[in-house]
Amino acid sequence: MTLFPRRLLPPLTALAVLLATSSCLHLQQELRLDDERTGSFRIDASVPLAAAQFWLADPSAPVARHYARYFDPEQGAALFPATAGVRVTAYRVFDRDNRRYLHLEGTITDLPRALASGCLGAWTQRALPDGARELRWHPPLPARPTDAPALDAWQAALAGLRLRLLVSAPHPIRAAPTATNVAGNTATWALDADQAMAQILSTGDLALTY
């Protein structure tokens, strides 16, 4: 079973899919919304240095050539253009303790455009009939398979995966069913335990309303 879709995913989602195949992705993303159009974001990711070097061993390969850009600050920042409704304020790539780290910060100047571009990952937003808004994150992993061989591969891809999502909304959060913690305007998903993570990701999207 492959974790790669047939079509090219938005930048951050595609990166998460690629890194998830290493069974050792640590990803933290923060999305802070000031109002309905502006806010800020932060992304921190790391993988074992050996895994990163393996992917970049053959720069002539289309996949390696595409994803190598994330580990080059100049090329990586270009994946988050101002035309996508975002502005990058910090972009660092560094090695520490046998891991390669990516640190990215920026501001959101046009939230609808930023979400539509996919540069912040697979987020969608919609207005509800009662005036509330729903923000939904679509996990960049395939659905839980039912046949044994594919299920083994799916579980192997999740092993060691660590995800932490933090969303700060401009209004108090009304509901966030699968969140680890909700406090006022902020919901957090801390998916550190492999078993709990697999269960939550297999249920589908993570959503909140405010």
N, C-alpha and C. Protein backbone atom coordinates (compact mmCIF):
# COMPACT_ATOMS: atom_id res chain seq x y z
N MET A 1 0.85 -1.19 0.00
CA MET A 1 0.00 0.00 0.00
C MET A 1 0.88 1.24 0.00
N THR A 2 0.52 2.22 -0.78
CA THR A 2 1.28 3.46 -0.83
C THR A 2 0.53 4.56 -0.12
N LEU A 3 1.26 5.47 0.48
CA LEU A 3 0.66 6.62 1.13
C LEU A 3 0.64 7.82 0.21
N PHE A 4 1.12 7.66 -1.02
CA PHE A 4 1.16 8.77 -1.96
C PHE A 4 -0.11 8.79 -2.80
N PRO A 5 -0.80 9.94 -2.87
CA PRO A 5 -1.97 10.03 -3.73
C PRO A 5 -1.54 10.15 -5.18
N ARG A 6 -2.49 9.92 -6.06
CA ARG A 6 -2.15 10.01 -7.49
C ARG A 6 -1.96 11.45 -7.92
N ARG A 7 -2.68 12.36 -7.28
CA ARG A 7 -2.51 13.77 -7.64
C ARG A 7 -1.66 14.43 -6.57
N LEU A 8 -1.03 15.55 -6.91
CA LEU A 8 -0.16 16.24 -5.99
C LEU A 8 -0.99 16.96 -4.95
N LEU A 9 -0.70 16.73 -3.68
CA LEU A 9 -1.42 17.37 -2.60
C LEU A 9 -0.88 18.77 -2.36
N PRO A 10 -1.64 19.62 -1.64
CA PRO A 10 -1.12 20.93 -1.26
C PRO A 10 0.19 20.76 -0.51
N PRO A 11 1.05 21.80 -0.52
CA PRO A 11 2.41 21.66 -0.01
C PRO A 11 2.54 21.00 1.36
N LEU A 12 1.92 21.56 2.40
CA LEU A 12 2.15 21.02 3.73
C LEU A 12 1.56 19.64 3.88
N THR A 13 0.39 19.41 3.30
CA THR A 13 -0.22 18.09 3.38
C THR A 13 0.66 17.05 2.71
N ALA A 14 1.17 17.38 1.54
CA ALA A 14 2.04 16.44 0.84
C ALA A 14 3.30 16.16 1.63
N LEU A 15 3.84 17.19 2.28
CA LEU A 15 5.04 16.99 3.10
C LEU A 15 4.72 16.03 4.24
N ALA A 16 3.57 16.21 4.89
CA ALA A 16 3.21 15.32 5.99
C ALA A 16 3.05 13.89 5.52
N VAL A 17 2.46 13.70 4.34
CA VAL A 17 2.32 12.35 3.80
C VAL A 17 3.68 11.72 3.59
N LEU A 18 4.59 12.48 3.00
CA LEU A 18 5.93 11.94 2.74
C LEU A 18 6.64 11.59 4.04
N LEU A 19 6.61 12.50 5.01
CA LEU A 19 7.31 12.27 6.25
C LEU A 19 6.67 11.14 7.05
N ALA A 20 5.35 10.99 6.95
CA ALA A 20 4.68 9.95 7.71
C ALA A 20 5.15 8.56 7.31
N THR A 21 5.62 8.42 6.08
CA THR A 21 6.09 7.11 5.63
C THR A 21 7.38 6.71 6.34
N SER A 22 8.02 7.66 6.99
CA SER A 22 9.25 7.33 7.72
C SER A 22 8.95 6.80 9.12
N SER A 23 7.69 6.84 9.52
CA SER A 23 7.24 6.34 10.82
C SER A 23 7.87 7.10 11.97
N CYS A 24 8.27 8.32 11.76
CA CYS A 24 8.97 9.03 12.83
C CYS A 24 8.82 10.53 12.70
N LEU A 25 7.73 10.98 12.12
CA LEU A 25 7.49 12.41 11.98
C LEU A 25 7.02 13.01 13.29
N HIS A 26 7.61 14.13 13.70
CA HIS A 26 7.12 14.93 14.80
C HIS A 26 6.66 16.25 14.18
N LEU A 27 5.39 16.54 14.29
CA LEU A 27 4.82 17.73 13.64
C LEU A 27 3.96 18.49 14.62
N GLN A 28 4.23 19.78 14.74
CA GLN A 28 3.41 20.66 15.57
C GLN A 28 3.00 21.85 14.73
N GLN A 29 1.69 22.13 14.72
CA GLN A 29 1.19 23.25 13.95
C GLN A 29 0.26 24.10 14.81
N GLU A 30 0.46 25.40 14.76
CA GLU A 30 -0.40 26.34 15.48
C GLU A 30 -1.06 27.27 14.47
N LEU A 31 -2.34 27.47 14.66
CA LEU A 31 -3.11 28.36 13.80
C LEU A 31 -3.86 29.31 14.73
N ARG A 32 -3.50 30.58 14.69
CA ARG A 32 -4.12 31.56 15.58
C ARG A 32 -4.86 32.59 14.73
N LEU A 33 -6.16 32.64 14.90
CA LEU A 33 -7.01 33.52 14.10
C LEU A 33 -7.37 34.75 14.91
N ASP A 34 -7.03 35.93 14.40
CA ASP A 34 -7.35 37.18 15.08
C ASP A 34 -8.79 37.60 14.81
N ASP A 35 -9.25 37.34 13.59
CA ASP A 35 -10.62 37.64 13.19
C ASP A 35 -10.95 36.72 12.03
N GLU A 36 -11.92 37.09 11.21
CA GLU A 36 -12.34 36.20 10.14
C GLU A 36 -11.39 36.19 8.95
N ARG A 37 -10.40 37.08 8.94
CA ARG A 37 -9.53 37.16 7.77
C ARG A 37 -8.04 37.13 8.10
N THR A 38 -7.65 37.44 9.30
CA THR A 38 -6.23 37.54 9.61
C THR A 38 -5.84 36.67 10.80
N GLY A 39 -4.54 36.44 10.94
CA GLY A 39 -4.05 35.63 12.05
C GLY A 39 -2.57 35.33 11.85
N SER A 40 -2.13 34.23 12.44
CA SER A 40 -0.73 33.82 12.32
C SER A 40 -0.65 32.31 12.37
N PHE A 41 0.49 31.78 11.96
CA PHE A 41 0.68 30.34 11.97
C PHE A 41 2.12 30.02 12.33
N ARG A 42 2.31 28.80 12.83
CA ARG A 42 3.64 28.31 13.17
C ARG A 42 3.66 26.81 12.91
N ILE A 43 4.74 26.35 12.31
CA ILE A 43 4.90 24.93 12.00
C ILE A 43 6.30 24.50 12.43
N ASP A 44 6.36 23.44 13.22
CA ASP A 44 7.63 22.83 13.62
C ASP A 44 7.56 21.35 13.28
N ALA A 45 8.54 20.87 12.54
CA ALA A 45 8.57 19.46 12.15
C ALA A 45 10.00 18.94 12.25
N SER A 46 10.12 17.65 12.51
CA SER A 46 11.45 17.04 12.52
C SER A 46 11.35 15.58 12.14
N VAL A 47 12.42 15.08 11.56
CA VAL A 47 12.54 13.67 11.19
C VAL A 47 13.98 13.25 11.46
N PRO A 48 14.24 11.95 11.58
CA PRO A 48 15.63 11.51 11.75
C PRO A 48 16.50 12.00 10.59
N LEU A 49 17.69 12.41 10.92
CA LEU A 49 18.59 12.94 9.90
C LEU A 49 18.85 11.92 8.81
N ALA A 50 18.97 10.66 9.17
CA ALA A 50 19.21 9.61 8.17
C ALA A 50 18.08 9.52 7.18
N ALA A 51 16.84 9.69 7.66
CA ALA A 51 15.69 9.63 6.76
C ALA A 51 15.72 10.80 5.78
N ALA A 52 16.01 12.00 6.29
CA ALA A 52 16.07 13.17 5.42
C ALA A 52 17.16 13.00 4.37
N GLN A 53 18.31 12.50 4.77
CA GLN A 53 19.41 12.30 3.82
C GLN A 53 19.07 11.24 2.79
N PHE A 54 18.30 10.24 3.19
CA PHE A 54 17.90 9.19 2.25
C PHE A 54 17.00 9.76 1.16
N TRP A 55 16.05 10.62 1.57
CA TRP A 55 15.15 11.20 0.57
C TRP A 55 15.89 12.09 -0.41
N LEU A 56 16.95 12.77 0.08
CA LEU A 56 17.66 13.73 -0.76
C LEU A 56 18.85 13.13 -1.48
N ALA A 57 19.03 11.81 -1.36
CA ALA A 57 20.21 11.17 -1.96
C ALA A 57 20.22 11.28 -3.47
N ASP A 58 19.05 11.31 -4.08
CA ASP A 58 18.98 11.38 -5.54
C ASP A 58 18.16 12.61 -5.93
N PRO A 59 18.79 13.78 -6.03
CA PRO A 59 18.06 15.01 -6.34
C PRO A 59 17.43 15.02 -7.72
N SER A 60 17.83 14.06 -8.57
CA SER A 60 17.24 14.02 -9.90
C SER A 60 15.85 13.40 -9.89
N ALA A 61 15.51 12.68 -8.82
CA ALA A 61 14.19 12.06 -8.73
C ALA A 61 13.14 13.14 -8.50
N PRO A 62 12.03 13.10 -9.24
CA PRO A 62 11.02 14.16 -9.13
C PRO A 62 10.52 14.38 -7.71
N VAL A 63 10.24 13.30 -6.96
CA VAL A 63 9.73 13.46 -5.61
C VAL A 63 10.77 14.10 -4.71
N ALA A 64 12.03 13.62 -4.79
CA ALA A 64 13.09 14.20 -3.98
C ALA A 64 13.31 15.66 -4.33
N ARG A 65 13.27 15.96 -5.63
CA ARG A 65 13.49 17.33 -6.07
C ARG A 65 12.41 18.25 -5.52
N HIS A 66 11.17 17.76 -5.49
CA HIS A 66 10.05 18.57 -5.00
C HIS A 66 10.17 18.82 -3.50
N TYR A 67 10.39 17.75 -2.71
CA TYR A 67 10.35 17.89 -1.27
C TYR A 67 11.64 18.43 -0.68
N ALA A 68 12.73 18.38 -1.44
CA ALA A 68 13.99 18.95 -0.95
C ALA A 68 13.84 20.44 -0.70
N ARG A 69 12.90 21.06 -1.38
CA ARG A 69 12.71 22.50 -1.23
C ARG A 69 12.32 22.90 0.18
N TYR A 70 11.62 22.00 0.90
CA TYR A 70 11.21 22.33 2.26
C TYR A 70 12.41 22.50 3.19
N PHE A 71 13.51 21.84 2.86
CA PHE A 71 14.69 21.90 3.71
C PHE A 71 15.70 22.91 3.21
N ASP A 72 15.26 23.81 2.36
CA ASP A 72 16.04 24.95 1.91
C ASP A 72 15.20 26.18 2.20
N PRO A 73 15.60 27.03 3.16
CA PRO A 73 14.75 28.15 3.56
C PRO A 73 14.28 29.03 2.42
N GLU A 74 15.17 29.32 1.48
CA GLU A 74 14.79 30.21 0.37
C GLU A 74 13.74 29.56 -0.51
N GLN A 75 13.98 28.31 -0.90
CA GLN A 75 13.01 27.62 -1.75
C GLN A 75 11.75 27.28 -0.97
N GLY A 76 11.91 26.93 0.30
CA GLY A 76 10.74 26.58 1.09
C GLY A 76 9.80 27.75 1.28
N ALA A 77 10.36 28.92 1.54
CA ALA A 77 9.52 30.10 1.74
C ALA A 77 8.71 30.42 0.49
N ALA A 78 9.25 30.06 -0.67
CA ALA A 78 8.54 30.32 -1.93
C ALA A 78 7.27 29.49 -2.05
N LEU A 79 7.16 28.43 -1.25
CA LEU A 79 5.96 27.61 -1.28
C LEU A 79 4.80 28.26 -0.53
N PHE A 80 5.09 29.38 0.14
CA PHE A 80 4.08 30.10 0.91
C PHE A 80 4.03 31.55 0.39
N PRO A 81 3.59 31.77 -0.85
CA PRO A 81 3.65 33.09 -1.46
C PRO A 81 2.61 34.05 -0.89
N ALA A 82 2.88 35.34 -1.03
CA ALA A 82 1.95 36.36 -0.57
C ALA A 82 0.62 36.25 -1.30
N THR A 83 0.64 35.76 -2.52
CA THR A 83 -0.60 35.60 -3.28
C THR A 83 -1.51 34.55 -2.67
N ALA A 84 -0.96 33.73 -1.78
CA ALA A 84 -1.77 32.71 -1.10
C ALA A 84 -2.37 33.25 0.20
N GLY A 85 -2.19 34.54 0.46
CA GLY A 85 -2.78 35.13 1.65
C GLY A 85 -1.97 34.92 2.91
N VAL A 86 -0.66 34.65 2.77
CA VAL A 86 0.21 34.46 3.92
C VAL A 86 1.51 35.24 3.70
N ARG A 87 2.22 35.47 4.81
CA ARG A 87 3.54 36.11 4.72
C ARG A 87 4.47 35.41 5.69
N VAL A 88 5.54 34.83 5.18
CA VAL A 88 6.50 34.12 6.03
C VAL A 88 7.39 35.12 6.74
N THR A 89 7.51 34.96 8.07
CA THR A 89 8.36 35.86 8.87
C THR A 89 9.59 35.15 9.41
N ALA A 90 9.58 33.82 9.45
CA ALA A 90 10.75 33.06 9.93
C ALA A 90 10.73 31.68 9.27
N TYR A 91 11.89 31.26 8.79
CA TYR A 91 12.00 29.94 8.16
C TYR A 91 13.41 29.42 8.44
N ARG A 92 13.50 28.38 9.26
CA ARG A 92 14.80 27.83 9.64
C ARG A 92 14.81 26.33 9.42
N VAL A 93 15.94 25.83 8.97
CA VAL A 93 16.20 24.40 8.86
C VAL A 93 17.53 24.14 9.55
N PHE A 94 17.56 23.17 10.47
CA PHE A 94 18.80 22.90 11.20
C PHE A 94 18.81 21.45 11.68
N ASP A 95 20.00 20.97 11.99
CA ASP A 95 20.19 19.60 12.50
C ASP A 95 20.56 19.65 13.96
N ARG A 96 19.97 18.72 14.74
CA ARG A 96 20.29 18.63 16.16
C ARG A 96 19.91 17.24 16.66
N ASP A 97 20.78 16.63 17.43
CA ASP A 97 20.51 15.32 18.03
C ASP A 97 20.07 14.30 16.99
N ASN A 98 20.78 14.29 15.85
CA ASN A 98 20.51 13.32 14.79
C ASN A 98 19.12 13.44 14.19
N ARG A 99 18.56 14.64 14.24
CA ARG A 99 17.28 14.91 13.58
C ARG A 99 17.41 16.18 12.77
N ARG A 100 16.62 16.27 11.70
CA ARG A 100 16.56 17.49 10.90
C ARG A 100 15.26 18.21 11.23
N TYR A 101 15.39 19.49 11.55
CA TYR A 101 14.25 20.27 12.00
C TYR A 101 13.87 21.34 10.98
N LEU A 102 12.57 21.60 10.94
CA LEU A 102 12.02 22.68 10.13
C LEU A 102 11.19 23.56 11.05
N HIS A 103 11.50 24.87 11.07
CA HIS A 103 10.73 25.82 11.87
C HIS A 103 10.24 26.92 10.95
N LEU A 104 8.94 27.16 10.97
CA LEU A 104 8.32 28.12 10.06
C LEU A 104 7.29 28.94 10.82
N GLU A 105 7.35 30.25 10.65
CA GLU A 105 6.36 31.15 11.24
C GLU A 105 5.90 32.13 10.18
N GLY A 106 4.68 32.63 10.34
CA GLY A 106 4.20 33.61 9.40
C GLY A 106 2.88 34.23 9.84
N THR A 107 2.44 35.20 9.08
CA THR A 107 1.16 35.85 9.34
C THR A 107 0.18 35.49 8.24
N ILE A 108 -1.08 35.51 8.59
CA ILE A 108 -2.16 35.25 7.64
C ILE A 108 -2.80 36.59 7.31
N THR A 109 -2.74 36.98 6.06
CA THR A 109 -3.30 38.26 5.65
C THR A 109 -4.67 38.12 5.01
N ASP A 110 -4.97 36.90 4.54
CA ASP A 110 -6.27 36.63 3.92
C ASP A 110 -6.62 35.18 4.19
N LEU A 111 -7.36 34.92 5.26
CA LEU A 111 -7.62 33.54 5.68
C LEU A 111 -8.33 32.71 4.63
N PRO A 112 -9.42 33.19 4.01
CA PRO A 112 -10.07 32.36 2.99
C PRO A 112 -9.11 31.96 1.87
N ARG A 113 -8.29 32.90 1.43
CA ARG A 113 -7.35 32.60 0.35
C ARG A 113 -6.28 31.62 0.83
N ALA A 114 -5.80 31.79 2.07
CA ALA A 114 -4.78 30.90 2.60
C ALA A 114 -5.29 29.47 2.71
N LEU A 115 -6.52 29.29 3.21
CA LEU A 115 -7.08 27.95 3.34
C LEU A 115 -7.32 27.33 1.96
N ALA A 116 -7.80 28.14 1.02
CA ALA A 116 -8.07 27.62 -0.32
C ALA A 116 -6.78 27.21 -1.03
N SER A 117 -5.68 27.88 -0.74
CA SER A 117 -4.42 27.58 -1.43
C SER A 117 -3.83 26.25 -0.97
N GLY A 118 -4.16 25.83 0.25
CA GLY A 118 -3.61 24.60 0.77
C GLY A 118 -2.21 24.74 1.33
N CYS A 119 -1.63 25.94 1.33
CA CYS A 119 -0.26 26.08 1.79
C CYS A 119 -0.12 25.84 3.29
N LEU A 120 -1.19 25.98 4.04
CA LEU A 120 -1.15 25.72 5.48
C LEU A 120 -1.55 24.29 5.82
N GLY A 121 -1.77 23.49 4.81
CA GLY A 121 -2.22 22.13 5.03
C GLY A 121 -3.67 21.97 4.64
N ALA A 122 -4.23 20.83 4.99
CA ALA A 122 -5.59 20.49 4.55
C ALA A 122 -6.63 21.02 5.52
N TRP A 123 -6.76 22.34 5.60
CA TRP A 123 -7.77 22.98 6.43
C TRP A 123 -8.90 23.51 5.55
N THR A 124 -10.11 23.40 6.04
CA THR A 124 -11.26 24.02 5.36
C THR A 124 -12.10 24.73 6.41
N GLN A 125 -12.83 25.72 5.97
CA GLN A 125 -13.70 26.47 6.86
C GLN A 125 -15.03 26.73 6.18
N ARG A 126 -16.13 26.70 6.97
CA ARG A 126 -17.44 27.01 6.40
C ARG A 126 -18.30 27.68 7.45
N ALA A 127 -19.21 28.50 6.97
CA ALA A 127 -20.16 29.17 7.86
C ALA A 127 -21.35 28.24 8.09
N LEU A 128 -21.83 28.17 9.33
CA LEU A 128 -22.98 27.33 9.67
C LEU A 128 -24.25 28.18 9.70
N PRO A 129 -25.42 27.56 9.57
CA PRO A 129 -26.68 28.31 9.52
C PRO A 129 -26.91 29.21 10.73
N ASP A 130 -26.40 28.81 11.91
CA ASP A 130 -26.64 29.61 13.11
C ASP A 130 -25.64 30.74 13.29
N GLY A 131 -24.78 30.95 12.29
CA GLY A 131 -23.82 32.03 12.36
C GLY A 131 -22.45 31.61 12.85
N ALA A 132 -22.34 30.41 13.39
CA ALA A 132 -21.03 29.92 13.83
C ALA A 132 -20.19 29.53 12.62
N ARG A 133 -18.93 29.29 12.87
CA ARG A 133 -18.02 28.84 11.82
C ARG A 133 -17.39 27.52 12.23
N GLU A 134 -17.18 26.67 11.25
CA GLU A 134 -16.54 25.38 11.48
C GLU A 134 -15.20 25.37 10.77
N LEU A 135 -14.16 25.02 11.52
CA LEU A 135 -12.82 24.86 10.96
C LEU A 135 -12.47 23.39 11.06
N ARG A 136 -12.04 22.80 9.96
CA ARG A 136 -11.83 21.36 9.91
C ARG A 136 -10.45 21.04 9.33
N TRP A 137 -9.74 20.13 10.00
CA TRP A 137 -8.44 19.65 9.52
C TRP A 137 -8.59 18.23 9.03
N HIS A 138 -8.15 17.98 7.81
CA HIS A 138 -8.27 16.66 7.19
C HIS A 138 -6.93 15.94 7.34
N PRO A 139 -6.85 14.90 8.17
CA PRO A 139 -5.57 14.20 8.37
C PRO A 139 -4.96 13.75 7.05
N PRO A 140 -3.66 14.04 6.84
CA PRO A 140 -3.01 13.68 5.57
C PRO A 140 -2.59 12.22 5.53
N LEU A 141 -3.50 11.34 5.90
CA LEU A 141 -3.25 9.91 5.85
C LEU A 141 -4.47 9.22 5.28
N PRO A 142 -4.30 8.09 4.64
CA PRO A 142 -5.44 7.38 4.07
C PRO A 142 -6.31 6.78 5.16
N ALA A 143 -7.54 6.44 4.80
CA ALA A 143 -8.46 5.82 5.75
C ALA A 143 -7.92 4.47 6.22
N ARG A 144 -8.35 4.06 7.40
CA ARG A 144 -7.91 2.78 7.95
C ARG A 144 -8.38 1.65 7.05
N PRO A 145 -7.48 0.83 6.52
CA PRO A 145 -7.87 -0.28 5.63
C PRO A 145 -8.45 -1.43 6.44
N THR A 146 -9.13 -2.31 5.76
CA THR A 146 -9.77 -3.44 6.42
C THR A 146 -9.01 -4.75 6.23
N ASP A 147 -8.27 -4.93 5.14
CA ASP A 147 -7.54 -6.18 4.94
C ASP A 147 -6.26 -6.17 5.74
N ALA A 148 -5.85 -7.33 6.22
CA ALA A 148 -4.74 -7.45 7.16
C ALA A 148 -3.41 -6.89 6.66
N PRO A 149 -2.95 -7.24 5.45
CA PRO A 149 -1.65 -6.72 5.00
C PRO A 149 -1.62 -5.20 4.93
N ALA A 150 -2.69 -4.63 4.37
CA ALA A 150 -2.73 -3.17 4.25
C ALA A 150 -2.84 -2.52 5.63
N LEU A 151 -3.55 -3.17 6.55
CA LEU A 151 -3.68 -2.62 7.90
C LEU A 151 -2.33 -2.62 8.60
N ASP A 152 -1.53 -3.65 8.41
CA ASP A 152 -0.19 -3.70 9.01
C ASP A 152 0.66 -2.55 8.51
N ALA A 153 0.59 -2.29 7.21
CA ALA A 153 1.38 -1.20 6.63
C ALA A 153 0.88 0.15 7.15
N TRP A 154 -0.43 0.28 7.29
CA TRP A 154 -1.02 1.52 7.78
C TRP A 154 -0.58 1.80 9.21
N GLN A 155 -0.59 0.76 10.05
CA GLN A 155 -0.17 0.92 11.44
C GLN A 155 1.32 1.22 11.54
N ALA A 156 2.11 0.62 10.64
CA ALA A 156 3.56 0.88 10.64
C ALA A 156 3.84 2.33 10.30
N ALA A 157 3.03 2.90 9.40
CA ALA A 157 3.22 4.29 9.01
C ALA A 157 2.91 5.24 10.16
N LEU A 158 2.01 4.82 11.06
CA LEU A 158 1.64 5.67 12.19
C LEU A 158 2.60 5.52 13.37
N ALA A 159 3.32 4.41 13.42
CA ALA A 159 4.18 4.16 14.58
C ALA A 159 5.22 5.27 14.74
N GLY A 160 5.28 5.84 15.89
CA GLY A 160 6.25 6.89 16.15
C GLY A 160 5.82 8.27 15.70
N LEU A 161 4.67 8.36 15.04
CA LEU A 161 4.18 9.66 14.58
C LEU A 161 3.69 10.48 15.76
N ARG A 162 4.09 11.74 15.83
CA ARG A 162 3.65 12.64 16.89
C ARG A 162 3.08 13.90 16.27
N LEU A 163 1.85 14.20 16.58
CA LEU A 163 1.20 15.39 16.04
C LEU A 163 0.66 16.23 17.19
N ARG A 164 0.82 17.53 17.07
CA ARG A 164 0.19 18.45 18.02
C ARG A 164 -0.38 19.61 17.23
N LEU A 165 -1.69 19.78 17.31
CA LEU A 165 -2.37 20.86 16.62
C LEU A 165 -2.95 21.80 17.66
N LEU A 166 -2.77 23.09 17.47
CA LEU A 166 -3.34 24.09 18.35
C LEU A 166 -4.04 25.13 17.49
N VAL A 167 -5.31 25.36 17.78
CA VAL A 167 -6.09 26.36 17.05
C VAL A 167 -6.66 27.35 18.05
N SER A 168 -6.37 28.61 17.83
CA SER A 168 -6.92 29.69 18.65
C SER A 168 -7.89 30.48 17.78
N ALA A 169 -9.16 30.46 18.15
CA ALA A 169 -10.21 31.10 17.35
C ALA A 169 -10.47 32.53 17.85
N PRO A 170 -11.10 33.36 17.03
CA PRO A 170 -11.39 34.74 17.46
C PRO A 170 -12.56 34.81 18.45
N HIS A 171 -13.30 33.72 18.63
CA HIS A 171 -14.43 33.67 19.55
C HIS A 171 -14.36 32.38 20.36
N PRO A 172 -15.07 32.30 21.49
CA PRO A 172 -15.06 31.06 22.28
C PRO A 172 -15.46 29.85 21.45
N ILE A 173 -14.79 28.75 21.69
CA ILE A 173 -15.07 27.52 20.96
C ILE A 173 -16.32 26.87 21.50
N ARG A 174 -17.24 26.54 20.61
CA ARG A 174 -18.50 25.90 21.00
C ARG A 174 -18.35 24.39 21.11
N ALA A 175 -17.59 23.82 20.20
CA ALA A 175 -17.43 22.36 20.19
C ALA A 175 -16.14 21.98 19.48
N ALA A 176 -15.49 20.95 20.02
CA ALA A 176 -14.30 20.35 19.42
C ALA A 176 -14.26 18.92 19.94
N PRO A 177 -15.09 18.04 19.37
CA PRO A 177 -15.34 16.71 19.95
C PRO A 177 -14.11 15.86 20.24
N THR A 178 -13.12 15.92 19.37
CA THR A 178 -11.97 15.02 19.55
C THR A 178 -10.75 15.72 20.13
N ALA A 179 -10.89 16.99 20.52
CA ALA A 179 -9.74 17.73 21.04
C ALA A 179 -9.28 17.15 22.37
N THR A 180 -7.97 17.21 22.60
CA THR A 180 -7.41 16.79 23.88
C THR A 180 -7.77 17.77 24.98
N ASN A 181 -7.82 19.06 24.62
CA ASN A 181 -8.13 20.09 25.60
C ASN A 181 -8.78 21.28 24.91
N VAL A 182 -9.77 21.86 25.56
CA VAL A 182 -10.40 23.09 25.08
C VAL A 182 -10.44 24.07 26.24
N ALA A 183 -9.91 25.27 26.01
CA ALA A 183 -9.90 26.30 27.04
C ALA A 183 -10.19 27.64 26.38
N GLY A 184 -11.40 28.15 26.61
CA GLY A 184 -11.78 29.43 26.03
C GLY A 184 -11.79 29.40 24.52
N ASN A 185 -10.88 30.15 23.93
CA ASN A 185 -10.83 30.26 22.46
C ASN A 185 -9.87 29.27 21.83
N THR A 186 -9.27 28.39 22.62
CA THR A 186 -8.19 27.54 22.10
C THR A 186 -8.50 26.06 22.27
N ALA A 187 -8.29 25.31 21.19
CA ALA A 187 -8.44 23.85 21.21
C ALA A 187 -7.10 23.23 20.84
N THR A 188 -6.75 22.14 21.52
CA THR A 188 -5.47 21.47 21.29
C THR A 188 -5.70 19.99 21.08
N TRP A 189 -5.03 19.44 20.09
CA TRP A 189 -5.00 18.00 19.86
C TRP A 189 -3.56 17.55 20.07
N ALA A 190 -3.30 16.75 21.08
CA ALA A 190 -1.96 16.23 21.35
C ALA A 190 -1.98 14.74 21.10
N LEU A 191 -1.50 14.33 19.94
CA LEU A 191 -1.58 12.94 19.50
C LEU A 191 -0.20 12.31 19.62
N ASP A 192 0.20 12.06 20.85
CA ASP A 192 1.54 11.53 21.09
C ASP A 192 1.56 10.01 21.26
N ALA A 193 0.53 9.44 21.80
CA ALA A 193 0.49 7.99 22.01
C ALA A 193 0.04 7.31 20.72
N ASP A 194 0.85 6.34 20.27
CA ASP A 194 0.57 5.72 18.99
C ASP A 194 -0.84 5.12 18.91
N GLN A 195 -1.26 4.46 19.96
CA GLN A 195 -2.57 3.80 19.92
C GLN A 195 -3.69 4.83 19.85
N ALA A 196 -3.62 5.85 20.69
CA ALA A 196 -4.65 6.87 20.68
C ALA A 196 -4.64 7.64 19.37
N MET A 197 -3.42 7.90 18.85
CA MET A 197 -3.29 8.62 17.60
C MET A 197 -3.94 7.87 16.45
N ALA A 198 -3.68 6.57 16.38
CA ALA A 198 -4.25 5.76 15.32
C ALA A 198 -5.77 5.77 15.40
N GLN A 199 -6.30 5.73 16.60
CA GLN A 199 -7.75 5.72 16.77
C GLN A 199 -8.36 7.04 16.34
N ILE A 200 -7.73 8.15 16.73
CA ILE A 200 -8.29 9.45 16.39
C ILE A 200 -8.17 9.71 14.89
N LEU A 201 -7.01 9.41 14.31
CA LEU A 201 -6.83 9.67 12.90
C LEU A 201 -7.77 8.80 12.05
N SER A 202 -8.05 7.60 12.53
CA SER A 202 -8.90 6.70 11.75
C SER A 202 -10.35 7.16 11.75
N THR A 203 -10.74 8.00 12.70
CA THR A 203 -12.12 8.47 12.74
C THR A 203 -12.39 9.55 11.70
N GLY A 204 -11.35 10.09 11.09
CA GLY A 204 -11.55 11.09 10.06
C GLY A 204 -11.06 12.46 10.48
N ASP A 205 -11.78 13.50 10.06
CA ASP A 205 -11.34 14.87 10.26
C ASP A 205 -11.41 15.29 11.72
N LEU A 206 -10.58 16.29 12.06
CA LEU A 206 -10.63 16.93 13.36
C LEU A 206 -11.26 18.30 13.15
N ALA A 207 -12.30 18.61 13.92
CA ALA A 207 -13.05 19.84 13.66
C ALA A 207 -13.38 20.58 14.94
N LEU A 208 -13.58 21.88 14.79
CA LEU A 208 -14.08 22.70 15.88
C LEU A 208 -15.02 23.74 15.33
N THR A 209 -15.94 24.20 16.15
CA THR A 209 -16.85 25.28 15.77
C THR A 209 -16.70 26.41 16.79
N TYR A 210 -16.85 27.62 16.31
CA TYR A 210 -16.75 28.79 17.19
C TYR A 210 -17.68 29.89 16.70
